[in-house]
């Protein structure tokens, strides 16, 4: 366990100040971080290669993440209804349910 702690780049002295439960939580969290960083790097590499082959280069604005408008409950209900119908389900009106 101590070698895994060190292998994750964590301070060896801190290992002895943690409980077993804390050590497991920290190691699992660090592994999640490493996986996320790897996926971010792979995403960036894939997009760099793909953009190099693109016939028309996308604008920077089209690639940026924007704040999304919150959906109203009516829009959420409409989407849920469409999803139920598309998956072969039936909509039962509340007055007919009882």
C-alpha atoms as a PDB file:
ATOM      1  CA  UNK A   1       0.000   0.000   0.000  1.00  0.00           C
ATOM      2  CA  UNK A   2       2.856   2.378   0.886  1.00  0.00           C
ATOM      3  CA  UNK A   3       4.528   1.751  -2.487  1.00  0.00           C
ATOM      4  CA  UNK A   4       1.254   2.451  -4.303  1.00  0.00           C
ATOM      5  CA  UNK A   5       0.953   5.704  -2.298  1.00  0.00           C
ATOM      6  CA  UNK A   6       4.454   6.743  -3.398  1.00  0.00           C
ATOM      7  CA  UNK A   7       3.788   5.544  -6.958  1.00  0.00           C
ATOM      8  CA  UNK A   8       0.835   7.915  -7.119  1.00  0.00           C
ATOM      9  CA  UNK A   9       3.215  10.781  -6.367  1.00  0.00           C
ATOM     10  CA  UNK A  10       1.953  11.359  -2.838  1.00  0.00           C
ATOM     11  CA  UNK A  11       4.113  12.501   0.105  1.00  0.00           C
ATOM     12  CA  UNK A  12       5.531   9.380   1.840  1.00  0.00           C
ATOM     13  CA  UNK A  13       5.479  11.078   5.263  1.00  0.00           C
ATOM     14  CA  UNK A  14       1.743  11.767   4.991  1.00  0.00           C
ATOM     15  CA  UNK A  15       1.005   8.052   4.526  1.00  0.00           C
ATOM     16  CA  UNK A  16       1.736   7.302   8.181  1.00  0.00           C
ATOM     17  CA  UNK A  17      -0.597  10.090   9.368  1.00  0.00           C
ATOM     18  CA  UNK A  18      -3.678   8.675   7.628  1.00  0.00           C
ATOM     19  CA  UNK A  19      -6.167   5.964   8.569  1.00  0.00           C
ATOM     20  CA  UNK A  20      -6.651   2.977   6.280  1.00  0.00           C
ATOM     21  CA  UNK A  21      -9.962   4.395   5.099  1.00  0.00           C
ATOM     22  CA  UNK A  22      -8.368   7.762   4.296  1.00  0.00           C
ATOM     23  CA  UNK A  23      -5.535   6.077   2.421  1.00  0.00           C
ATOM     24  CA  UNK A  24      -7.971   4.093   0.271  1.00  0.00           C
ATOM     25  CA  UNK A  25     -10.083   7.184  -0.461  1.00  0.00           C
ATOM     26  CA  UNK A  26      -7.027   9.281  -1.363  1.00  0.00           C
ATOM     27  CA  UNK A  27      -5.602   6.521  -3.606  1.00  0.00           C
ATOM     28  CA  UNK A  28      -8.926   6.037  -5.392  1.00  0.00           C
ATOM     29  CA  UNK A  29      -9.293   9.800  -5.852  1.00  0.00           C
ATOM     30  CA  UNK A  30      -5.760  10.077  -7.221  1.00  0.00           C
ATOM     31  CA  UNK A  31      -6.451   7.228  -9.663  1.00  0.00           C
ATOM     32  CA  UNK A  32      -9.600   9.054 -10.845  1.00  0.00           C
ATOM     33  CA  UNK A  33      -7.506  12.196 -11.335  1.00  0.00           C
ATOM     34  CA  UNK A  34      -4.853  10.288 -13.323  1.00  0.00           C
ATOM     35  CA  UNK A  35      -7.536   8.661 -15.508  1.00  0.00           C
ATOM     36  CA  UNK A  36      -9.195  12.053 -16.140  1.00  0.00           C
ATOM     37  CA  UNK A  37      -5.860  13.680 -17.036  1.00  0.00           C
ATOM     38  CA  UNK A  38      -5.030  10.806 -19.391  1.00  0.00           C
ATOM     39  CA  UNK A  39      -8.424  11.114 -21.086  1.00  0.00           C
ATOM     40  CA  UNK A  40      -7.983  14.885 -21.432  1.00  0.00           C
ATOM     41  CA  UNK A  41      -4.586  14.361 -23.062  1.00  0.00           C
ATOM     42  CA  UNK A  42      -5.960  11.685 -25.397  1.00  0.00           C
ATOM     43  CA  UNK A  43      -8.889  13.978 -26.294  1.00  0.00           C
ATOM     44  CA  UNK A  44      -6.492  16.839 -27.078  1.00  0.00           C
ATOM     45  CA  UNK A  45      -4.196  14.620 -29.177  1.00  0.00           C
ATOM     46  CA  UNK A  46      -7.129  13.161 -31.119  1.00  0.00           C
ATOM     47  CA  UNK A  47      -8.556  16.608 -31.840  1.00  0.00           C
ATOM     48  CA  UNK A  48      -5.158  18.001 -32.872  1.00  0.00           C
ATOM     49  CA  UNK A  49      -4.817  15.190 -35.409  1.00  0.00           C
ATOM     50  CA  UNK A  50      -8.424  15.537 -36.578  1.00  0.00           C
ATOM     51  CA  UNK A  51      -8.198  19.313 -36.972  1.00  0.00           C
ATOM     52  CA  UNK A  52      -5.045  18.865 -39.034  1.00  0.00           C
ATOM     53  CA  UNK A  53      -7.069  16.800 -41.518  1.00  0.00           C
ATOM     54  CA  UNK A  54     -10.140  19.073 -41.532  1.00  0.00           C
ATOM     55  CA  UNK A  55     -11.025  20.674 -44.857  1.00  0.00           C
ATOM     56  CA  UNK A  56     -12.681  23.620 -43.142  1.00  0.00           C
ATOM     57  CA  UNK A  57     -11.191  24.688 -39.829  1.00  0.00           C
ATOM     58  CA  UNK A  58     -13.888  25.369 -37.189  1.00  0.00           C
ATOM     59  CA  UNK A  59     -13.999  28.756 -35.498  1.00  0.00           C
ATOM     60  CA  UNK A  60     -12.659  29.013 -31.982  1.00  0.00           C
ATOM     61  CA  UNK A  61     -16.070  30.210 -30.787  1.00  0.00           C
ATOM     62  CA  UNK A  62     -17.733  27.018 -32.071  1.00  0.00           C
ATOM     63  CA  UNK A  63     -15.313  24.927 -29.976  1.00  0.00           C
ATOM     64  CA  UNK A  64     -15.756  26.850 -26.722  1.00  0.00           C
ATOM     65  CA  UNK A  65     -18.070  25.649 -23.952  1.00  0.00           C
ATOM     66  CA  UNK A  66     -20.825  28.118 -23.209  1.00  0.00           C
ATOM     67  CA  UNK A  67     -23.132  28.484 -20.262  1.00  0.00           C
ATOM     68  CA  UNK A  68     -26.337  26.618 -20.968  1.00  0.00           C
ATOM     69  CA  UNK A  69     -29.757  28.059 -20.341  1.00  0.00           C
ATOM     70  CA  UNK A  70     -31.710  26.090 -17.750  1.00  0.00           C
ATOM     71  CA  UNK A  71     -34.681  24.233 -19.163  1.00  0.00           C
ATOM     72  CA  UNK A  72     -38.107  25.047 -17.818  1.00  0.00           C
ATOM     73  CA  UNK A  73     -40.131  22.220 -16.296  1.00  0.00           C
ATOM     74  CA  UNK A  74     -42.382  22.382 -19.387  1.00  0.00           C
ATOM     75  CA  UNK A  75     -39.379  21.778 -21.682  1.00  0.00           C
ATOM     76  CA  UNK A  76     -38.203  18.926 -19.458  1.00  0.00           C
ATOM     77  CA  UNK A  77     -41.677  17.364 -19.530  1.00  0.00           C
ATOM     78  CA  UNK A  78     -41.822  17.712 -23.317  1.00  0.00           C
ATOM     79  CA  UNK A  79     -38.437  15.997 -23.733  1.00  0.00           C
ATOM     80  CA  UNK A  80     -39.360  13.234 -21.277  1.00  0.00           C
ATOM     81  CA  UNK A  81     -42.617  12.634 -23.146  1.00  0.00           C
ATOM     82  CA  UNK A  82     -40.790  12.463 -26.485  1.00  0.00           C
ATOM     83  CA  UNK A  83     -38.233  10.028 -25.014  1.00  0.00           C
ATOM     84  CA  UNK A  84     -40.956   7.745 -23.618  1.00  0.00           C
ATOM     85  CA  UNK A  85     -42.813   7.702 -26.939  1.00  0.00           C
ATOM     86  CA  UNK A  86     -39.617   7.156 -28.960  1.00  0.00           C
ATOM     87  CA  UNK A  87     -38.728   4.165 -26.800  1.00  0.00           C
ATOM     88  CA  UNK A  88     -42.156   2.576 -27.359  1.00  0.00           C
ATOM     89  CA  UNK A  89     -43.761   3.614 -24.080  1.00  0.00           C
ATOM     90  CA  UNK A  90     -47.203   5.072 -23.392  1.00  0.00           C
ATOM     91  CA  UNK A  91     -48.095   8.311 -21.670  1.00  0.00           C
ATOM     92  CA  UNK A  92     -50.721   7.848 -18.978  1.00  0.00           C
ATOM     93  CA  UNK A  93     -52.471  11.043 -17.979  1.00  0.00           C
ATOM     94  CA  UNK A  94     -52.670  11.587 -14.198  1.00  0.00           C
ATOM     95  CA  UNK A  95     -56.495  11.597 -14.238  1.00  0.00           C
ATOM     96  CA  UNK A  96     -56.505   8.136 -15.933  1.00  0.00           C
ATOM     97  CA  UNK A  97     -53.882   6.626 -13.623  1.00  0.00           C
ATOM     98  CA  UNK A  98     -56.296   6.143 -10.668  1.00  0.00           C
END
